[in-house]
Amino acid sequence: MPTGRLTMRRIRDVLRLRFAQGLSERAIAASLGLGKGSVGTYLRRARDAGLAWPLPEGLDDDSLELLLFPNASDVSDPDRPVPDWAVIDKDLRRRSVTRMLLWQEYRAQHPNGFGYTWFCTHFEAWKGRVRPSMRQTHVGGEKGR
């Protein structure tokens, strides 16, 4: 079963170990606990994107992700436009608004648009990139005043 995509921090580590330290794919895989094939895939994606080390200054994680993983749906297609996820997110905060309702509105405007599963999956991916959260556990009595 394929694993999920690495975090941008881990991908930056792969690139740094390869280009700044000069380690082999096998050594990088061993040091980061990854498969050799995964390391090779990320290095190939970086090469295809024309990235060099050090990475350009000001290249944030979202920009790096777009360079390494270009979205096939970014190709302009007037029949299948990608929804504005910020507007979708704002609309979902209103009472009685559901994803199904917003998707139905999208399909009413674009009959050849994307399906419901695609809509939900890409919205969740967008939300994860825009508002990352970190769960913090606080044990009672451990913090002093």
N, C-alpha and C. Protein backbone atom coordinates (compact mmCIF):
# COMPACT_ATOMS: atom_id res chain seq x y z
N MET A 1 0.84 -1.18 0.00
CA MET A 1 0.00 0.00 0.00
C MET A 1 0.88 1.24 0.00
N PRO A 2 0.64 2.19 -0.91
CA PRO A 2 1.50 3.36 -0.99
C PRO A 2 1.32 4.26 0.24
N THR A 3 2.40 4.88 0.64
CA THR A 3 2.33 5.79 1.77
C THR A 3 1.96 7.18 1.29
N GLY A 4 1.60 8.04 2.21
CA GLY A 4 1.25 9.41 1.87
C GLY A 4 2.47 10.22 1.51
N ARG A 5 2.22 11.39 1.02
CA ARG A 5 3.29 12.30 0.64
C ARG A 5 4.01 12.79 1.89
N LEU A 6 5.31 12.97 1.78
CA LEU A 6 6.11 13.49 2.88
C LEU A 6 5.76 14.95 3.13
N THR A 7 6.04 15.42 4.33
CA THR A 7 5.86 16.83 4.62
C THR A 7 6.93 17.62 3.87
N MET A 8 6.67 18.88 3.66
CA MET A 8 7.64 19.72 2.94
C MET A 8 8.95 19.81 3.71
N ARG A 9 8.89 19.74 5.03
CA ARG A 9 10.13 19.77 5.81
C ARG A 9 10.99 18.55 5.50
N ARG A 10 10.36 17.38 5.42
CA ARG A 10 11.11 16.16 5.11
C ARG A 10 11.65 16.19 3.68
N ILE A 11 10.86 16.74 2.76
CA ILE A 11 11.32 16.84 1.38
C ILE A 11 12.51 17.79 1.30
N ARG A 12 12.46 18.88 2.05
CA ARG A 12 13.61 19.80 2.10
C ARG A 12 14.84 19.08 2.67
N ASP A 13 14.63 18.20 3.65
CA ASP A 13 15.74 17.42 4.21
C ASP A 13 16.34 16.51 3.14
N VAL A 14 15.49 15.88 2.34
CA VAL A 14 15.98 15.01 1.26
C VAL A 14 16.84 15.83 0.30
N LEU A 15 16.34 16.98 -0.11
CA LEU A 15 17.09 17.82 -1.05
C LEU A 15 18.40 18.32 -0.44
N ARG A 16 18.35 18.72 0.82
CA ARG A 16 19.56 19.21 1.48
C ARG A 16 20.61 18.11 1.59
N LEU A 17 20.19 16.91 2.00
CA LEU A 17 21.15 15.82 2.15
C LEU A 17 21.76 15.43 0.82
N ARG A 18 20.99 15.53 -0.24
CA ARG A 18 21.51 15.16 -1.56
C ARG A 18 22.45 16.23 -2.10
N PHE A 19 21.99 17.48 -2.11
CA PHE A 19 22.74 18.51 -2.80
C PHE A 19 23.78 19.21 -1.93
N ALA A 20 23.49 19.42 -0.66
CA ALA A 20 24.46 20.10 0.21
C ALA A 20 25.45 19.11 0.81
N GLN A 21 24.98 17.91 1.18
CA GLN A 21 25.85 16.93 1.82
C GLN A 21 26.42 15.92 0.83
N GLY A 22 25.80 15.80 -0.34
CA GLY A 22 26.29 14.88 -1.35
C GLY A 22 26.05 13.41 -1.05
N LEU A 23 25.04 13.10 -0.24
CA LEU A 23 24.77 11.71 0.11
C LEU A 23 24.07 10.99 -1.04
N SER A 24 24.24 9.69 -1.09
CA SER A 24 23.57 8.87 -2.10
C SER A 24 22.12 8.67 -1.70
N GLU A 25 21.33 8.19 -2.65
CA GLU A 25 19.92 7.92 -2.36
C GLU A 25 19.78 6.90 -1.24
N ARG A 26 20.61 5.89 -1.26
CA ARG A 26 20.57 4.85 -0.23
C ARG A 26 20.89 5.43 1.16
N ALA A 27 21.91 6.31 1.23
CA ALA A 27 22.29 6.91 2.51
C ALA A 27 21.19 7.85 3.02
N ILE A 28 20.57 8.59 2.11
CA ILE A 28 19.48 9.48 2.50
C ILE A 28 18.31 8.66 3.03
N ALA A 29 17.98 7.59 2.31
CA ALA A 29 16.87 6.73 2.72
C ALA A 29 17.13 6.15 4.11
N ALA A 30 18.36 5.72 4.36
CA ALA A 30 18.69 5.14 5.65
C ALA A 30 18.64 6.19 6.76
N SER A 31 19.14 7.38 6.49
CA SER A 31 19.19 8.39 7.55
C SER A 31 17.82 8.97 7.88
N LEU A 32 16.90 9.00 6.90
CA LEU A 32 15.58 9.56 7.15
C LEU A 32 14.51 8.49 7.38
N GLY A 33 14.89 7.22 7.24
CA GLY A 33 13.92 6.15 7.44
C GLY A 33 12.91 6.05 6.32
N LEU A 34 13.36 6.30 5.10
CA LEU A 34 12.49 6.25 3.93
C LEU A 34 12.93 5.13 3.01
N GLY A 35 12.12 4.83 2.04
CA GLY A 35 12.51 3.88 1.01
C GLY A 35 13.36 4.55 -0.04
N LYS A 36 14.27 3.80 -0.64
CA LYS A 36 15.15 4.36 -1.66
C LYS A 36 14.35 4.87 -2.85
N GLY A 37 13.26 4.17 -3.18
CA GLY A 37 12.42 4.60 -4.29
C GLY A 37 11.75 5.94 -4.02
N SER A 38 11.34 6.15 -2.78
CA SER A 38 10.71 7.43 -2.42
C SER A 38 11.71 8.57 -2.56
N VAL A 39 12.92 8.35 -2.09
CA VAL A 39 13.95 9.38 -2.18
C VAL A 39 14.21 9.71 -3.65
N GLY A 40 14.32 8.67 -4.48
CA GLY A 40 14.55 8.87 -5.91
C GLY A 40 13.42 9.64 -6.57
N THR A 41 12.19 9.36 -6.16
CA THR A 41 11.04 10.05 -6.72
C THR A 41 11.08 11.54 -6.40
N TYR A 42 11.37 11.88 -5.16
CA TYR A 42 11.43 13.30 -4.78
C TYR A 42 12.59 14.02 -5.46
N LEU A 43 13.72 13.34 -5.60
CA LEU A 43 14.86 13.94 -6.31
C LEU A 43 14.55 14.15 -7.78
N ARG A 44 13.85 13.19 -8.39
CA ARG A 44 13.46 13.34 -9.80
C ARG A 44 12.50 14.51 -9.97
N ARG A 45 11.54 14.62 -9.06
CA ARG A 45 10.59 15.74 -9.12
C ARG A 45 11.31 17.08 -9.00
N ALA A 46 12.30 17.14 -8.12
CA ALA A 46 13.07 18.38 -7.96
C ALA A 46 13.85 18.70 -9.23
N ARG A 47 14.44 17.68 -9.84
CA ARG A 47 15.19 17.88 -11.08
C ARG A 47 14.25 18.34 -12.19
N ASP A 48 13.07 17.71 -12.30
CA ASP A 48 12.10 18.09 -13.33
C ASP A 48 11.59 19.51 -13.13
N ALA A 49 11.53 19.96 -11.87
CA ALA A 49 11.06 21.32 -11.58
C ALA A 49 12.18 22.35 -11.75
N GLY A 50 13.41 21.88 -12.00
CA GLY A 50 14.53 22.79 -12.21
C GLY A 50 15.06 23.40 -10.91
N LEU A 51 14.87 22.70 -9.81
CA LEU A 51 15.33 23.21 -8.52
C LEU A 51 16.80 22.90 -8.32
N ALA A 52 17.50 23.82 -7.70
CA ALA A 52 18.90 23.63 -7.35
C ALA A 52 19.06 23.99 -5.89
N TRP A 53 20.18 23.56 -5.30
CA TRP A 53 20.43 23.86 -3.90
C TRP A 53 21.45 24.97 -3.81
N PRO A 54 21.31 25.92 -2.97
CA PRO A 54 20.20 26.10 -2.04
C PRO A 54 18.94 26.53 -2.78
N LEU A 55 17.81 26.22 -2.17
CA LEU A 55 16.54 26.60 -2.77
C LEU A 55 16.45 28.11 -2.82
N PRO A 56 15.72 28.64 -3.79
CA PRO A 56 15.60 30.10 -3.89
C PRO A 56 15.07 30.71 -2.60
N GLU A 57 15.63 31.85 -2.23
CA GLU A 57 15.19 32.51 -1.00
C GLU A 57 13.75 32.97 -1.16
N GLY A 58 12.99 32.78 -0.12
CA GLY A 58 11.59 33.18 -0.15
C GLY A 58 10.66 32.11 -0.71
N LEU A 59 11.21 30.94 -1.02
CA LEU A 59 10.38 29.84 -1.53
C LEU A 59 9.72 29.16 -0.34
N ASP A 60 8.43 29.45 -0.13
CA ASP A 60 7.73 28.86 1.00
C ASP A 60 7.25 27.45 0.66
N ASP A 61 6.68 26.77 1.65
CA ASP A 61 6.28 25.39 1.47
C ASP A 61 5.20 25.22 0.40
N ASP A 62 4.25 26.15 0.34
CA ASP A 62 3.19 26.04 -0.66
C ASP A 62 3.75 26.17 -2.07
N SER A 63 4.67 27.10 -2.27
CA SER A 63 5.29 27.28 -3.59
C SER A 63 6.13 26.06 -3.97
N LEU A 64 6.86 25.53 -3.00
CA LEU A 64 7.66 24.34 -3.26
C LEU A 64 6.76 23.17 -3.63
N GLU A 65 5.64 23.03 -2.93
CA GLU A 65 4.72 21.94 -3.23
C GLU A 65 4.17 22.07 -4.65
N LEU A 66 3.84 23.28 -5.05
CA LEU A 66 3.32 23.48 -6.41
C LEU A 66 4.38 23.18 -7.47
N LEU A 67 5.64 23.46 -7.16
CA LEU A 67 6.71 23.14 -8.10
C LEU A 67 6.93 21.63 -8.21
N LEU A 68 6.93 20.95 -7.07
CA LEU A 68 7.21 19.51 -7.07
C LEU A 68 6.00 18.67 -7.49
N PHE A 69 4.81 19.14 -7.17
CA PHE A 69 3.60 18.38 -7.45
C PHE A 69 2.61 19.25 -8.21
N PRO A 70 2.90 19.52 -9.48
CA PRO A 70 1.97 20.35 -10.24
C PRO A 70 0.63 19.64 -10.35
N ASN A 71 -0.41 20.37 -10.09
CA ASN A 71 -1.75 19.81 -10.09
C ASN A 71 -2.25 19.69 -11.53
N ALA A 72 -2.70 18.50 -11.91
CA ALA A 72 -3.19 18.29 -13.26
C ALA A 72 -4.41 19.16 -13.54
N SER A 73 -5.17 19.51 -12.51
CA SER A 73 -6.36 20.32 -12.71
C SER A 73 -6.04 21.80 -12.85
N ASP A 74 -4.75 22.19 -12.72
CA ASP A 74 -4.38 23.58 -12.92
C ASP A 74 -4.44 23.99 -14.38
N VAL A 75 -4.52 23.00 -15.26
CA VAL A 75 -4.63 23.29 -16.67
C VAL A 75 -5.98 23.95 -16.90
N SER A 76 -5.95 25.09 -17.54
CA SER A 76 -7.17 25.86 -17.72
C SER A 76 -8.15 25.12 -18.62
N ASP A 77 -9.32 24.80 -18.08
CA ASP A 77 -10.39 24.15 -18.83
C ASP A 77 -11.67 24.89 -18.48
N PRO A 78 -12.25 25.58 -19.43
CA PRO A 78 -13.43 26.38 -19.11
C PRO A 78 -14.63 25.55 -18.65
N ASP A 79 -14.71 24.27 -19.05
CA ASP A 79 -15.82 23.42 -18.63
C ASP A 79 -15.63 22.87 -17.22
N ARG A 80 -14.37 22.78 -16.76
CA ARG A 80 -14.08 22.20 -15.45
C ARG A 80 -13.19 23.13 -14.62
N PRO A 81 -13.67 24.30 -14.27
CA PRO A 81 -12.83 25.19 -13.46
C PRO A 81 -12.73 24.68 -12.02
N VAL A 82 -11.61 24.97 -11.41
CA VAL A 82 -11.40 24.60 -10.01
C VAL A 82 -12.12 25.65 -9.15
N PRO A 83 -12.94 25.21 -8.21
CA PRO A 83 -13.66 26.17 -7.36
C PRO A 83 -12.70 27.03 -6.54
N ASP A 84 -13.18 28.19 -6.14
CA ASP A 84 -12.42 29.05 -5.24
C ASP A 84 -12.60 28.51 -3.83
N TRP A 85 -11.58 27.82 -3.33
CA TRP A 85 -11.70 27.12 -2.05
C TRP A 85 -11.91 28.08 -0.89
N ALA A 86 -11.37 29.29 -0.97
CA ALA A 86 -11.56 30.26 0.11
C ALA A 86 -13.04 30.64 0.23
N VAL A 87 -13.71 30.80 -0.90
CA VAL A 87 -15.14 31.12 -0.89
C VAL A 87 -15.93 29.93 -0.36
N ILE A 88 -15.56 28.73 -0.79
CA ILE A 88 -16.23 27.51 -0.31
C ILE A 88 -16.10 27.42 1.21
N ASP A 89 -14.89 27.65 1.72
CA ASP A 89 -14.65 27.58 3.15
C ASP A 89 -15.49 28.61 3.90
N LYS A 90 -15.56 29.81 3.36
CA LYS A 90 -16.36 30.87 3.99
C LYS A 90 -17.84 30.50 3.99
N ASP A 91 -18.32 29.95 2.87
CA ASP A 91 -19.73 29.56 2.78
C ASP A 91 -20.08 28.44 3.74
N LEU A 92 -19.15 27.53 3.95
CA LEU A 92 -19.41 26.40 4.85
C LEU A 92 -19.60 26.83 6.31
N ARG A 93 -19.15 28.02 6.64
CA ARG A 93 -19.29 28.52 8.01
C ARG A 93 -20.71 29.02 8.27
N ARG A 94 -21.48 29.22 7.22
CA ARG A 94 -22.86 29.68 7.40
C ARG A 94 -23.75 28.53 7.83
N ARG A 95 -24.81 28.86 8.49
CA ARG A 95 -25.76 27.87 8.99
C ARG A 95 -26.47 27.18 7.82
N SER A 96 -26.66 25.86 7.94
CA SER A 96 -27.39 25.02 6.98
C SER A 96 -26.71 24.89 5.62
N VAL A 97 -25.44 25.23 5.53
CA VAL A 97 -24.71 25.07 4.27
C VAL A 97 -23.83 23.83 4.39
N THR A 98 -23.95 22.93 3.42
CA THR A 98 -23.18 21.69 3.43
C THR A 98 -22.30 21.63 2.20
N ARG A 99 -21.35 20.71 2.23
CA ARG A 99 -20.51 20.50 1.05
C ARG A 99 -21.35 20.04 -0.13
N MET A 100 -22.31 19.18 0.13
CA MET A 100 -23.17 18.68 -0.94
C MET A 100 -23.91 19.83 -1.62
N LEU A 101 -24.42 20.75 -0.82
CA LEU A 101 -25.14 21.90 -1.37
C LEU A 101 -24.21 22.76 -2.22
N LEU A 102 -23.01 23.03 -1.73
CA LEU A 102 -22.05 23.84 -2.48
C LEU A 102 -21.61 23.13 -3.75
N TRP A 103 -21.44 21.82 -3.67
CA TRP A 103 -21.07 21.06 -4.87
C TRP A 103 -22.20 21.10 -5.89
N GLN A 104 -23.44 20.97 -5.43
CA GLN A 104 -24.57 21.03 -6.35
C GLN A 104 -24.65 22.39 -7.03
N GLU A 105 -24.35 23.47 -6.31
CA GLU A 105 -24.32 24.80 -6.92
C GLU A 105 -23.20 24.88 -7.96
N TYR A 106 -22.06 24.30 -7.61
CA TYR A 106 -20.93 24.27 -8.56
C TYR A 106 -21.31 23.52 -9.83
N ARG A 107 -21.94 22.34 -9.67
CA ARG A 107 -22.33 21.56 -10.85
C ARG A 107 -23.44 22.23 -11.65
N ALA A 108 -24.29 23.02 -10.98
CA ALA A 108 -25.32 23.75 -11.72
C ALA A 108 -24.69 24.80 -12.63
N GLN A 109 -23.63 25.42 -12.15
CA GLN A 109 -22.92 26.41 -12.96
C GLN A 109 -22.04 25.76 -14.02
N HIS A 110 -21.49 24.58 -13.71
CA HIS A 110 -20.56 23.88 -14.60
C HIS A 110 -20.99 22.42 -14.70
N PRO A 111 -21.90 22.10 -15.62
CA PRO A 111 -22.43 20.72 -15.71
C PRO A 111 -21.37 19.66 -15.96
N ASN A 112 -20.28 20.00 -16.60
CA ASN A 112 -19.20 19.05 -16.86
C ASN A 112 -18.09 19.16 -15.80
N GLY A 113 -18.42 19.80 -14.69
CA GLY A 113 -17.43 20.02 -13.64
C GLY A 113 -17.03 18.73 -12.93
N PHE A 114 -16.21 18.89 -11.93
CA PHE A 114 -15.68 17.76 -11.19
C PHE A 114 -16.75 17.11 -10.32
N GLY A 115 -16.54 15.84 -9.98
CA GLY A 115 -17.48 15.09 -9.16
C GLY A 115 -17.36 15.43 -7.68
N TYR A 116 -18.29 14.91 -6.93
CA TYR A 116 -18.37 15.22 -5.50
C TYR A 116 -17.15 14.72 -4.73
N THR A 117 -16.68 13.52 -5.04
CA THR A 117 -15.52 12.98 -4.33
C THR A 117 -14.29 13.85 -4.59
N TRP A 118 -14.08 14.24 -5.84
CA TRP A 118 -12.95 15.11 -6.18
C TRP A 118 -13.08 16.43 -5.42
N PHE A 119 -14.27 16.97 -5.41
CA PHE A 119 -14.56 18.24 -4.74
C PHE A 119 -14.17 18.17 -3.26
N CYS A 120 -14.64 17.13 -2.58
CA CYS A 120 -14.35 16.99 -1.14
C CYS A 120 -12.88 16.72 -0.88
N THR A 121 -12.28 15.86 -1.67
CA THR A 121 -10.87 15.50 -1.47
C THR A 121 -9.97 16.71 -1.66
N HIS A 122 -10.19 17.47 -2.71
CA HIS A 122 -9.34 18.63 -2.97
C HIS A 122 -9.61 19.77 -1.99
N PHE A 123 -10.83 19.87 -1.52
CA PHE A 123 -11.12 20.89 -0.51
C PHE A 123 -10.38 20.55 0.79
N GLU A 124 -10.40 19.29 1.19
CA GLU A 124 -9.69 18.87 2.40
C GLU A 124 -8.18 19.10 2.26
N ALA A 125 -7.64 18.82 1.08
CA ALA A 125 -6.21 19.04 0.85
C ALA A 125 -5.89 20.53 0.95
N TRP A 126 -6.75 21.36 0.40
CA TRP A 126 -6.55 22.80 0.48
C TRP A 126 -6.60 23.27 1.93
N LYS A 127 -7.59 22.77 2.67
CA LYS A 127 -7.73 23.15 4.07
C LYS A 127 -6.49 22.76 4.87
N GLY A 128 -5.94 21.60 4.58
CA GLY A 128 -4.74 21.14 5.29
C GLY A 128 -3.53 22.01 5.02
N ARG A 129 -3.45 22.57 3.83
CA ARG A 129 -2.31 23.43 3.50
C ARG A 129 -2.50 24.83 4.06
N VAL A 130 -3.73 25.29 4.12
CA VAL A 130 -3.99 26.66 4.52
C VAL A 130 -3.99 26.82 6.03
N ARG A 131 -4.62 25.88 6.74
CA ARG A 131 -4.73 26.00 8.19
C ARG A 131 -4.16 24.77 8.87
N PRO A 132 -2.86 24.61 8.83
CA PRO A 132 -2.32 23.46 9.54
C PRO A 132 -2.51 23.65 11.04
N SER A 133 -2.80 22.58 11.72
CA SER A 133 -3.00 22.67 13.16
C SER A 133 -2.12 21.63 13.85
N MET A 134 -1.84 21.90 15.09
CA MET A 134 -1.02 20.98 15.85
C MET A 134 -1.71 20.72 17.18
N ARG A 135 -1.98 19.49 17.44
CA ARG A 135 -2.62 19.13 18.70
C ARG A 135 -1.59 19.20 19.82
N GLN A 136 -1.96 19.89 20.87
CA GLN A 136 -1.08 19.99 22.03
C GLN A 136 -1.78 19.40 23.24
N THR A 137 -1.08 18.53 23.92
CA THR A 137 -1.64 17.87 25.09
C THR A 137 -1.08 18.54 26.33
N HIS A 138 -1.95 18.96 27.20
CA HIS A 138 -1.52 19.59 28.45
C HIS A 138 -1.96 18.72 29.62
N VAL A 139 -1.01 18.28 30.38
CA VAL A 139 -1.29 17.47 31.54
C VAL A 139 -1.47 18.41 32.72
N GLY A 140 -2.53 18.23 33.46
CA GLY A 140 -2.83 19.11 34.59
C GLY A 140 -1.73 19.09 35.63
N GLY A 141 -1.37 20.27 36.13
CA GLY A 141 -0.39 20.40 37.19
C GLY A 141 1.06 20.45 36.74
N GLU A 142 1.33 20.31 35.45
CA GLU A 142 2.72 20.34 35.00
C GLU A 142 3.24 21.75 34.78
N LYS A 143 2.37 22.70 34.51
CA LYS A 143 2.81 24.06 34.24
C LYS A 143 2.77 24.87 35.53
N GLY A 144 3.83 25.58 35.77
CA GLY A 144 3.87 26.47 36.94
C GLY A 144 3.36 27.86 36.56
N ARG A 145 3.25 28.68 37.54
CA ARG A 145 2.74 30.04 37.26
C ARG A 145 3.81 30.92 36.78
